[in-house]
Amino acid sequence: MSTTGASADPLAALGSLPGVPESVESVRKAVDRVYGHRIMRRRSNEITSEAALRGARGSAALSSADWALEEVRRRTDFSGDDEARVVGASLRLTAEAGQLLSIWRQSPLRVLARLHLVAAASNEGEVGRPRQAGESVDEPLIELPLPSADEVHGRLEGLAELIIAGGSAPALVTAAVVHGELLALRPFTSNNGLVARTAERIVLVGSGLDPKSVCPAEVGHAELGRAAYLAALEGYVSGTPEGMAAWIAHCGKAIELGARESTAVCEALQRGAA
């Protein structure tokens, strides 16, 4: 992760990059539209549940398991093949995220380890901890250079310190940095994309931007497409102000599309109730 200058609050410094304040404001307006919908006042639990399902489907799609929503909805066994296991892992992570909100700000590394454990659904030795020297990473869709285990440990510690310290950075900026850093590092031997997108969700909910978790950024990331996702990630990894701003804007657009999805769900429920 690169920051602009030696600010005591480096995430806040990223919030002032060209175009980022506009992205922050656009995200806020999109989220406010969902929360202001009349259906949200009466049936928010249904919207949250539907957003969770659609978010899990979107995250799985970015990890090579692009299933139709109705297939995800009806399936009960996710042990059959690689795609099924990816979808199952994404669903488990979505369910687990809400249980970890209170721990995130005090111990983000503990939360990340737990997320990997839940995604892997295994007790193998490399599960639930950052990878060690010599361990390989199964993340075929991300072909960026893989940081060493030592670099991973150091940067994870730095990220945790930023999260614990808090600060004045907008939720979009913090969520984008957490997401981008985990994708860049690929700290676990598997399921890094799923974990990174779940961590982004935890930040958005825990920050108060989307407290009911009804604006699934994963939906937007999937809608924008894998190619755009990877291109924006390359900008983040470059560490340049332009690249960082482009990644933050990409994440902002994903949240807006997630908010639009839930607005559509609200409209459908309202038509059904009319």
C-alpha atoms as a PDB file:
ATOM      1  CA  MET A   1       0.000   0.000   0.000  1.00  0.00           C
ATOM      2  CA  SER A   2       1.323   3.393  -0.947  1.00  0.00           C
ATOM      3  CA  THR A   3       0.167   6.645   0.583  1.00  0.00           C
ATOM      4  CA  THR A   4       0.582  10.252  -0.446  1.00  0.00           C
ATOM      5  CA  GLY A   5       2.978  11.904   1.930  1.00  0.00           C
ATOM      6  CA  ALA A   6       3.747  11.227   5.581  1.00  0.00           C
ATOM      7  CA  SER A   7       0.361  12.103   6.999  1.00  0.00           C
ATOM      8  CA  ALA A   8      -0.466  10.837  10.466  1.00  0.00           C
ATOM      9  CA  ASP A   9      -3.688   9.591   8.884  1.00  0.00           C
ATOM     10  CA  PRO A  10      -2.570   8.139   5.528  1.00  0.00           C
ATOM     11  CA  LEU A  11      -5.996   6.753   4.654  1.00  0.00           C
ATOM     12  CA  ALA A  12      -7.473  10.217   5.039  1.00  0.00           C
ATOM     13  CA  ALA A  13      -4.778  11.498   2.666  1.00  0.00           C
ATOM     14  CA  LEU A  14      -6.021   9.053   0.048  1.00  0.00           C
ATOM     15  CA  GLY A  15      -9.482  10.542   0.461  1.00  0.00           C
ATOM     16  CA  SER A  16      -8.225  13.798  -1.031  1.00  0.00           C
ATOM     17  CA  LEU A  17      -6.880  12.277  -4.248  1.00  0.00           C
ATOM     18  CA  PRO A  18      -8.412  13.731  -7.436  1.00  0.00           C
ATOM     19  CA  GLY A  19     -11.847  12.257  -8.061  1.00  0.00           C
ATOM     20  CA  VAL A  20     -12.095  10.455  -4.729  1.00  0.00           C
ATOM     21  CA  PRO A  21     -14.235  13.059  -2.897  1.00  0.00           C
ATOM     22  CA  GLU A  22     -16.703  12.889  -5.786  1.00  0.00           C
ATOM     23  CA  SER A  23     -16.792   9.084  -5.532  1.00  0.00           C
ATOM     24  CA  VAL A  24     -17.377   9.308  -1.781  1.00  0.00           C
ATOM     25  CA  GLU A  25     -20.288  11.693  -2.279  1.00  0.00           C
ATOM     26  CA  SER A  26     -21.794   9.621  -5.076  1.00  0.00           C
ATOM     27  CA  VAL A  27     -21.659   6.489  -2.912  1.00  0.00           C
ATOM     28  CA  ARG A  28     -23.292   8.306  -0.020  1.00  0.00           C
ATOM     29  CA  LYS A  29     -26.177   9.448  -2.218  1.00  0.00           C
ATOM     30  CA  ALA A  30     -26.684   5.933  -3.618  1.00  0.00           C
ATOM     31  CA  VAL A  31     -26.736   4.408  -0.135  1.00  0.00           C
ATOM     32  CA  ASP A  32     -29.111   7.101   1.128  1.00  0.00           C
ATOM     33  CA  ARG A  33     -31.547   6.307  -1.681  1.00  0.00           C
ATOM     34  CA  VAL A  34     -31.806   2.686  -0.566  1.00  0.00           C
ATOM     35  CA  TYR A  35     -32.208   3.559   3.099  1.00  0.00           C
ATOM     36  CA  GLY A  36     -34.823   6.160   2.259  1.00  0.00           C
ATOM     37  CA  HIS A  37     -37.017   3.723   0.361  1.00  0.00           C
ATOM     38  CA  ARG A  38     -40.357   3.119   2.051  1.00  0.00           C
ATOM     39  CA  ILE A  39     -39.914  -0.682   1.863  1.00  0.00           C
ATOM     40  CA  MET A  40     -36.701  -0.439   3.895  1.00  0.00           C
ATOM     41  CA  ARG A  41     -38.675   0.971   6.813  1.00  0.00           C
ATOM     42  CA  ARG A  42     -40.955  -2.075   6.925  1.00  0.00           C
ATOM     43  CA  ARG A  43     -39.038  -4.993   5.440  1.00  0.00           C
ATOM     44  CA  SER A  44     -35.355  -4.265   5.930  1.00  0.00           C
ATOM     45  CA  ASN A  45     -34.605  -7.803   7.127  1.00  0.00           C
ATOM     46  CA  GLU A  46     -35.808  -9.196   3.801  1.00  0.00           C
ATOM     47  CA  ILE A  47     -33.649  -6.712   1.891  1.00  0.00           C
ATOM     48  CA  THR A  48     -30.629  -7.626   4.003  1.00  0.00           C
ATOM     49  CA  SER A  49     -31.129 -11.344   3.391  1.00  0.00           C
ATOM     50  CA  GLU A  50     -31.541 -10.864  -0.340  1.00  0.00           C
ATOM     51  CA  ALA A  51     -28.499  -8.576  -0.503  1.00  0.00           C
ATOM     52  CA  ALA A  52     -26.444 -11.215   1.305  1.00  0.00           C
ATOM     53  CA  LEU A  53     -27.431 -13.894  -1.190  1.00  0.00           C
ATOM     54  CA  ARG A  54     -26.756 -11.672  -4.196  1.00  0.00           C
ATOM     55  CA  GLY A  55     -23.481 -10.478  -2.745  1.00  0.00           C
ATOM     56  CA  ALA A  56     -22.297 -14.041  -2.155  1.00  0.00           C
ATOM     57  CA  ARG A  57     -23.235 -14.951  -5.730  1.00  0.00           C
ATOM     58  CA  GLY A  58     -21.315 -11.946  -7.069  1.00  0.00           C
ATOM     59  CA  SER A  59     -18.198 -12.695  -5.061  1.00  0.00           C
ATOM     60  CA  ALA A  60     -18.234 -16.327  -6.169  1.00  0.00           C
ATOM     61  CA  ALA A  61     -18.603 -15.209  -9.787  1.00  0.00           C
ATOM     62  CA  LEU A  62     -15.371 -13.233  -9.505  1.00  0.00           C
ATOM     63  CA  SER A  63     -13.687 -16.375  -8.188  1.00  0.00           C
ATOM     64  CA  SER A  64     -14.671 -18.421 -11.264  1.00  0.00           C
ATOM     65  CA  ALA A  65     -18.026 -19.806 -10.054  1.00  0.00           C
ATOM     66  CA  ASP A  66     -20.533 -17.693 -12.006  1.00  0.00           C
ATOM     67  CA  TRP A  67     -23.823 -19.368 -11.107  1.00  0.00           C
ATOM     68  CA  ALA A  68     -27.306 -18.052 -11.758  1.00  0.00           C
ATOM     69  CA  LEU A  69     -28.881 -16.483  -8.698  1.00  0.00           C
ATOM     70  CA  GLU A  70     -31.707 -19.016  -8.608  1.00  0.00           C
ATOM     71  CA  GLU A  71     -29.217 -21.876  -8.656  1.00  0.00           C
ATOM     72  CA  VAL A  72     -27.459 -20.396  -5.630  1.00  0.00           C
ATOM     73  CA  ARG A  73     -30.821 -19.903  -3.952  1.00  0.00           C
ATOM     74  CA  ARG A  74     -32.071 -23.462  -4.416  1.00  0.00           C
ATOM     75  CA  ARG A  75     -28.855 -25.449  -3.924  1.00  0.00           C
ATOM     76  CA  THR A  76     -28.230 -27.020  -0.523  1.00  0.00           C
ATOM     77  CA  ASP A  77     -25.158 -29.174  -1.240  1.00  0.00           C
ATOM     78  CA  PHE A  78     -21.973 -27.296  -2.118  1.00  0.00           C
ATOM     79  CA  SER A  79     -19.492 -30.157  -1.851  1.00  0.00           C
ATOM     80  CA  GLY A  80     -19.723 -31.580  -5.350  1.00  0.00           C
ATOM     81  CA  ASP A  81     -17.019 -29.837  -7.396  1.00  0.00           C
ATOM     82  CA  ASP A  82     -14.675 -26.857  -7.367  1.00  0.00           C
ATOM     83  CA  GLU A  83     -17.332 -24.338  -8.432  1.00  0.00           C
ATOM     84  CA  ALA A  84     -19.790 -25.614  -5.838  1.00  0.00           C
ATOM     85  CA  ARG A  85     -17.160 -25.325  -3.133  1.00  0.00           C
ATOM     86  CA  VAL A  86     -16.421 -21.727  -4.146  1.00  0.00           C
ATOM     87  CA  VAL A  87     -20.103 -20.811  -3.955  1.00  0.00           C
ATOM     88  CA  GLY A  88     -20.432 -22.580  -0.614  1.00  0.00           C
ATOM     89  CA  ALA A  89     -17.395 -20.741   0.732  1.00  0.00           C
ATOM     90  CA  SER A  90     -18.816 -17.401  -0.403  1.00  0.00           C
ATOM     91  CA  LEU A  91     -22.148 -18.093   1.285  1.00  0.00           C
ATOM     92  CA  ARG A  92     -20.430 -19.119   4.529  1.00  0.00           C
ATOM     93  CA  LEU A  93     -18.320 -15.966   4.533  1.00  0.00           C
ATOM     94  CA  THR A  94     -21.346 -13.758   3.997  1.00  0.00           C
ATOM     95  CA  ALA A  95     -23.076 -15.377   6.960  1.00  0.00           C
ATOM     96  CA  GLU A  96     -19.962 -15.128   9.119  1.00  0.00           C
ATOM     97  CA  ALA A  97     -19.237 -11.467   8.379  1.00  0.00           C
ATOM     98  CA  GLY A  98     -22.004 -10.178  10.626  1.00  0.00           C
ATOM     99  CA  GLN A  99     -20.631 -12.122  13.570  1.00  0.00           C
ATOM    100  CA  LEU A 100     -17.219 -10.468  13.337  1.00  0.00           C
ATOM    101  CA  LEU A 101     -18.087  -6.770  13.270  1.00  0.00           C
ATOM    102  CA  SER A 102     -17.361  -6.188  16.958  1.00  0.00           C
ATOM    103  CA  ILE A 103     -13.940  -7.822  16.675  1.00  0.00           C
ATOM    104  CA  TRP A 104     -12.748  -6.120  13.489  1.00  0.00           C
ATOM    105  CA  ARG A 105     -11.677  -2.773  14.934  1.00  0.00           C
ATOM    106  CA  GLN A 106      -9.818  -4.402  17.843  1.00  0.00           C
ATOM    107  CA  SER A 107      -8.243  -7.375  16.052  1.00  0.00           C
ATOM    108  CA  PRO A 108      -8.515  -7.286  12.258  1.00  0.00           C
ATOM    109  CA  LEU A 109      -5.889  -9.995  11.779  1.00  0.00           C
ATOM    110  CA  ARG A 110      -7.882 -12.346  13.969  1.00  0.00           C
ATOM    111  CA  VAL A 111     -10.943 -11.662  11.812  1.00  0.00           C
ATOM    112  CA  LEU A 112      -9.032 -12.316   8.592  1.00  0.00           C
ATOM    113  CA  ALA A 113      -7.728 -15.600   9.969  1.00  0.00           C
ATOM    114  CA  ARG A 114     -11.256 -16.592  10.927  1.00  0.00           C
ATOM    115  CA  LEU A 115     -12.559 -15.688   7.480  1.00  0.00           C
ATOM    116  CA  HIS A 116      -9.977 -17.896   5.832  1.00  0.00           C
ATOM    117  CA  LEU A 117     -10.818 -20.745   8.169  1.00  0.00           C
ATOM    118  CA  VAL A 118     -14.519 -20.406   7.312  1.00  0.00           C
ATOM    119  CA  ALA A 119     -13.846 -20.187   3.574  1.00  0.00           C
ATOM    120  CA  ALA A 120     -11.525 -23.187   3.514  1.00  0.00           C
ATOM    121  CA  ALA A 121     -13.771 -25.329   5.738  1.00  0.00           C
ATOM    122  CA  SER A 122     -10.692 -27.367   6.598  1.00  0.00           C
ATOM    123  CA  ASN A 123      -8.322 -27.981   9.458  1.00  0.00           C
ATOM    124  CA  GLU A 124      -5.224 -28.267   7.291  1.00  0.00           C
ATOM    125  CA  GLY A 125      -2.087 -26.698   8.739  1.00  0.00           C
ATOM    126  CA  GLU A 126      -1.987 -23.728   6.356  1.00  0.00           C
ATOM    127  CA  VAL A 127      -5.601 -22.719   7.015  1.00  0.00           C
ATOM    128  CA  GLY A 128      -6.479 -19.759   9.235  1.00  0.00           C
ATOM    129  CA  ARG A 129      -3.075 -18.113   9.193  1.00  0.00           C
ATOM    130  CA  PRO A 130      -0.954 -16.081   6.737  1.00  0.00           C
ATOM    131  CA  ARG A 131       1.147 -18.172   4.400  1.00  0.00           C
ATOM    132  CA  GLN A 132       4.734 -18.997   5.241  1.00  0.00           C
ATOM    133  CA  ALA A 133       7.849 -19.019   3.079  1.00  0.00           C
ATOM    134  CA  GLY A 134       7.664 -21.730   0.442  1.00  0.00           C
ATOM    135  CA  GLU A 135       3.892 -22.173   0.544  1.00  0.00           C
ATOM    136  CA  SER A 136       2.094 -21.766  -2.756  1.00  0.00           C
ATOM    137  CA  VAL A 137      -1.065 -19.742  -3.383  1.00  0.00           C
ATOM    138  CA  ASP A 138      -4.089 -21.024  -5.272  1.00  0.00           C
ATOM    139  CA  GLU A 139      -5.507 -17.798  -6.747  1.00  0.00           C
ATOM    140  CA  PRO A 140      -5.397 -18.386 -10.516  1.00  0.00           C
ATOM    141  CA  LEU A 141      -7.367 -15.312 -11.581  1.00  0.00           C
ATOM    142  CA  ILE A 142      -4.836 -12.859 -10.123  1.00  0.00           C
ATOM    143  CA  GLU A 143      -1.535 -13.071 -11.976  1.00  0.00           C
ATOM    144  CA  LEU A 144       0.248 -10.152 -10.330  1.00  0.00           C
ATOM    145  CA  PRO A 145       3.662 -10.774  -8.752  1.00  0.00           C
ATOM    146  CA  LEU A 146       3.279 -12.517  -5.404  1.00  0.00           C
ATOM    147  CA  PRO A 147       4.839 -10.720  -2.421  1.00  0.00           C
ATOM    148  CA  SER A 148       7.121 -12.751  -0.179  1.00  0.00           C
ATOM    149  CA  ALA A 149       5.827 -14.169   3.102  1.00  0.00           C
ATOM    150  CA  ASP A 150       7.955 -11.641   5.019  1.00  0.00           C
ATOM    151  CA  GLU A 151       6.466  -8.747   3.073  1.00  0.00           C
ATOM    152  CA  VAL A 152       2.988 -10.139   3.636  1.00  0.00           C
ATOM    153  CA  HIS A 153       3.457 -10.277   7.395  1.00  0.00           C
ATOM    154  CA  GLY A 154       4.853  -6.740   7.545  1.00  0.00           C
ATOM    155  CA  ARG A 155       2.134  -5.197   5.408  1.00  0.00           C
ATOM    156  CA  LEU A 156      -0.626  -7.047   7.243  1.00  0.00           C
ATOM    157  CA  GLU A 157       0.673  -5.630  10.507  1.00  0.00           C
ATOM    158  CA  GLY A 158       0.702  -2.155   8.983  1.00  0.00           C
ATOM    159  CA  LEU A 159      -2.841  -2.538   7.702  1.00  0.00           C
ATOM    160  CA  ALA A 160      -4.013  -3.755  11.101  1.00  0.00           C
ATOM    161  CA  GLU A 161      -2.427  -0.751  12.790  1.00  0.00           C
ATOM    162  CA  LEU A 162      -4.278   1.628  10.467  1.00  0.00           C
ATOM    163  CA  ILE A 163      -7.598  -0.079  11.150  1.00  0.00           C
ATOM    164  CA  ILE A 164      -7.121  -0.156  14.919  1.00  0.00           C
ATOM    165  CA  ALA A 165      -6.011   3.492  14.987  1.00  0.00           C
ATOM    166  CA  GLY A 166      -9.144   4.546  13.154  1.00  0.00           C
ATOM    167  CA  GLY A 167      -9.063   7.979  11.646  1.00  0.00           C
ATOM    168  CA  SER A 168     -11.107  10.335   9.529  1.00  0.00           C
ATOM    169  CA  ALA A 169     -10.936   8.511   6.190  1.00  0.00           C
ATOM    170  CA  PRO A 170     -14.285   7.936   4.462  1.00  0.00           C
ATOM    171  CA  ALA A 171     -15.598   4.374   4.667  1.00  0.00           C
ATOM    172  CA  LEU A 172     -15.195   3.955   0.910  1.00  0.00           C
ATOM    173  CA  VAL A 173     -11.473   4.691   1.130  1.00  0.00           C
ATOM    174  CA  THR A 174     -10.855   2.340   4.051  1.00  0.00           C
ATOM    175  CA  ALA A 175     -12.890  -0.446   2.457  1.00  0.00           C
ATOM    176  CA  ALA A 176     -11.091  -0.049  -0.872  1.00  0.00           C
ATOM    177  CA  VAL A 177      -7.660  -0.127   0.755  1.00  0.00           C
ATOM    178  CA  VAL A 178      -8.482  -3.223   2.829  1.00  0.00           C
ATOM    179  CA  HIS A 179      -9.865  -4.948  -0.261  1.00  0.00           C
ATOM    180  CA  GLY A 180      -6.974  -3.935  -2.512  1.00  0.00           C
ATOM    181  CA  GLU A 181      -4.269  -4.750   0.004  1.00  0.00           C
ATOM    182  CA  LEU A 182      -5.589  -8.261   0.589  1.00  0.00           C
ATOM    183  CA  LEU A 183      -5.808  -8.934  -3.142  1.00  0.00           C
ATOM    184  CA  ALA A 184      -2.316  -7.560  -3.693  1.00  0.00           C
ATOM    185  CA  LEU A 185      -0.807  -9.585  -0.847  1.00  0.00           C
ATOM    186  CA  ARG A 186      -2.818 -12.800  -1.224  1.00  0.00           C
ATOM    187  CA  PRO A 187      -1.845 -13.583   2.368  1.00  0.00           C
ATOM    188  CA  PHE A 188      -3.487 -17.018   2.488  1.00  0.00           C
ATOM    189  CA  THR A 189      -2.865 -20.139   0.460  1.00  0.00           C
ATOM    190  CA  SER A 190      -6.391 -20.002  -1.002  1.00  0.00           C
ATOM    191  CA  ASN A 191      -9.655 -18.031  -1.128  1.00  0.00           C
ATOM    192  CA  ASN A 192      -7.970 -14.622  -0.950  1.00  0.00           C
ATOM    193  CA  GLY A 193     -10.469 -12.972  -3.297  1.00  0.00           C
ATOM    194  CA  LEU A 194     -13.438 -14.201  -1.294  1.00  0.00           C
ATOM    195  CA  VAL A 195     -11.814 -13.086   1.964  1.00  0.00           C
ATOM    196  CA  ALA A 196     -10.876  -9.667   0.549  1.00  0.00           C
ATOM    197  CA  ARG A 197     -14.416  -8.939  -0.614  1.00  0.00           C
ATOM    198  CA  THR A 198     -15.863 -10.076   2.711  1.00  0.00           C
ATOM    199  CA  ALA A 199     -13.456  -7.789   4.548  1.00  0.00           C
ATOM    200  CA  GLU A 200     -14.620  -4.914   2.342  1.00  0.00           C
ATOM    201  CA  ARG A 201     -18.201  -5.694   3.371  1.00  0.00           C
ATOM    202  CA  ILE A 202     -17.234  -5.729   7.058  1.00  0.00           C
ATOM    203  CA  VAL A 203     -15.675  -2.274   6.731  1.00  0.00           C
ATOM    204  CA  LEU A 204     -18.712  -0.837   4.950  1.00  0.00           C
ATOM    205  CA  VAL A 205     -21.113  -2.217   7.558  1.00  0.00           C
ATOM    206  CA  GLY A 206     -18.967  -1.524  10.602  1.00  0.00           C
ATOM    207  CA  SER A 207     -18.226   2.048   9.519  1.00  0.00           C
ATOM    208  CA  GLY A 208     -21.915   2.910   9.570  1.00  0.00           C
ATOM    209  CA  LEU A 209     -22.064   3.627   5.841  1.00  0.00           C
ATOM    210  CA  ASP A 210     -24.211   0.527   5.253  1.00  0.00           C
ATOM    211  CA  PRO A 211     -25.172  -0.703   8.745  1.00  0.00           C
ATOM    212  CA  LYS A 212     -27.907  -3.067   7.527  1.00  0.00           C
ATOM    213  CA  SER A 213     -25.644  -4.542   4.814  1.00  0.00           C
ATOM    214  CA  VAL A 214     -28.033  -3.820   1.964  1.00  0.00           C
ATOM    215  CA  CYS A 215     -25.540  -2.408  -0.568  1.00  0.00           C
ATOM    216  CA  PRO A 216     -23.524  -5.466  -1.648  1.00  0.00           C
ATOM    217  CA  ALA A 217     -20.386  -4.218  -3.382  1.00  0.00           C
ATOM    218  CA  GLU A 218     -19.743  -7.781  -4.564  1.00  0.00           C
ATOM    219  CA  VAL A 219     -22.750  -7.456  -6.885  1.00  0.00           C
ATOM    220  CA  GLY A 220     -21.234  -4.354  -8.418  1.00  0.00           C
ATOM    221  CA  HIS A 221     -17.760  -5.851  -8.766  1.00  0.00           C
ATOM    222  CA  ALA A 222     -19.252  -8.800 -10.638  1.00  0.00           C
ATOM    223  CA  GLU A 223     -21.404  -6.527 -12.832  1.00  0.00           C
ATOM    224  CA  LEU A 224     -18.420  -4.371 -13.763  1.00  0.00           C
ATOM    225  CA  GLY A 225     -16.632  -7.544 -14.834  1.00  0.00           C
ATOM    226  CA  ARG A 226     -13.478  -9.436 -14.061  1.00  0.00           C
ATOM    227  CA  ALA A 227     -11.360  -7.565 -16.607  1.00  0.00           C
ATOM    228  CA  ALA A 228     -12.228  -4.154 -15.148  1.00  0.00           C
ATOM    229  CA  TYR A 229     -11.702  -5.539 -11.632  1.00  0.00           C
ATOM    230  CA  LEU A 230      -8.205  -6.763 -12.423  1.00  0.00           C
ATOM    231  CA  ALA A 231      -7.303  -3.598 -14.341  1.00  0.00           C
ATOM    232  CA  ALA A 232      -8.348  -1.444 -11.377  1.00  0.00           C
ATOM    233  CA  LEU A 233      -6.389  -3.708  -9.030  1.00  0.00           C
ATOM    234  CA  GLU A 234      -3.285  -3.149 -11.138  1.00  0.00           C
ATOM    235  CA  GLY A 235      -3.762   0.557 -10.477  1.00  0.00           C
ATOM    236  CA  TYR A 236      -3.847  -0.103  -6.747  1.00  0.00           C
ATOM    237  CA  VAL A 237      -0.727  -2.251  -6.885  1.00  0.00           C
ATOM    238  CA  SER A 238       1.120   0.446  -8.841  1.00  0.00           C
ATOM    239  CA  GLY A 239       0.935   2.659  -5.764  1.00  0.00           C
ATOM    240  CA  THR A 240       0.632   5.805  -7.891  1.00  0.00           C
ATOM    241  CA  PRO A 241      -1.911   8.458  -6.889  1.00  0.00           C
ATOM    242  CA  GLU A 242      -3.729   7.932 -10.201  1.00  0.00           C
ATOM    243  CA  GLY A 243      -3.813   4.168  -9.756  1.00  0.00           C
ATOM    244  CA  MET A 244      -4.991   4.375  -6.165  1.00  0.00           C
ATOM    245  CA  ALA A 245      -7.704   6.879  -7.075  1.00  0.00           C
ATOM    246  CA  ALA A 246      -8.873   4.656  -9.941  1.00  0.00           C
ATOM    247  CA  TRP A 247      -9.145   1.636  -7.612  1.00  0.00           C
ATOM    248  CA  ILE A 248     -11.095   3.626  -5.014  1.00  0.00           C
ATOM    249  CA  ALA A 249     -13.422   4.946  -7.722  1.00  0.00           C
ATOM    250  CA  HIS A 250     -13.921   1.405  -9.030  1.00  0.00           C
ATOM    251  CA  CYS A 251     -14.884   0.199  -5.551  1.00  0.00           C
ATOM    252  CA  GLY A 252     -17.214   3.175  -5.206  1.00  0.00           C
ATOM    253  CA  LYS A 253     -18.954   2.312  -8.449  1.00  0.00           C
ATOM    254  CA  ALA A 254     -19.345  -1.286  -7.230  1.00  0.00           C
ATOM    255  CA  ILE A 255     -21.069  -0.088  -4.056  1.00  0.00           C
ATOM    256  CA  GLU A 256     -23.377   2.138  -6.108  1.00  0.00           C
ATOM    257  CA  LEU A 257     -24.341  -0.813  -8.289  1.00  0.00           C
ATOM    258  CA  GLY A 258     -24.961  -2.904  -5.184  1.00  0.00           C
ATOM    259  CA  ALA A 259     -27.199  -0.152  -3.850  1.00  0.00           C
ATOM    260  CA  ARG A 260     -29.031  -0.046  -7.174  1.00  0.00           C
ATOM    261  CA  GLU A 261     -29.595  -3.802  -6.955  1.00  0.00           C
ATOM    262  CA  SER A 262     -31.216  -3.508  -3.539  1.00  0.00           C
ATOM    263  CA  THR A 263     -33.283  -0.550  -4.701  1.00  0.00           C
ATOM    264  CA  ALA A 264     -34.621  -2.788  -7.449  1.00  0.00           C
ATOM    265  CA  VAL A 265     -35.444  -5.447  -4.853  1.00  0.00           C
ATOM    266  CA  CYS A 266     -37.330  -2.807  -2.839  1.00  0.00           C
ATOM    267  CA  GLU A 267     -39.260  -1.773  -5.940  1.00  0.00           C
ATOM    268  CA  ALA A 268     -40.175  -5.390  -6.683  1.00  0.00           C
ATOM    269  CA  LEU A 269     -41.404  -5.938  -3.147  1.00  0.00           C
ATOM    270  CA  GLN A 270     -43.394  -2.713  -3.296  1.00  0.00           C
ATOM    271  CA  ARG A 271     -45.104  -3.792  -6.522  1.00  0.00           C
ATOM    272  CA  GLY A 272     -45.927  -7.124  -4.938  1.00  0.00           C
ATOM    273  CA  ALA A 273     -47.453  -5.410  -1.909  1.00  0.00           C
ATOM    274  CA  ALA A 274     -49.499  -2.961  -3.957  1.00  0.00           C
END
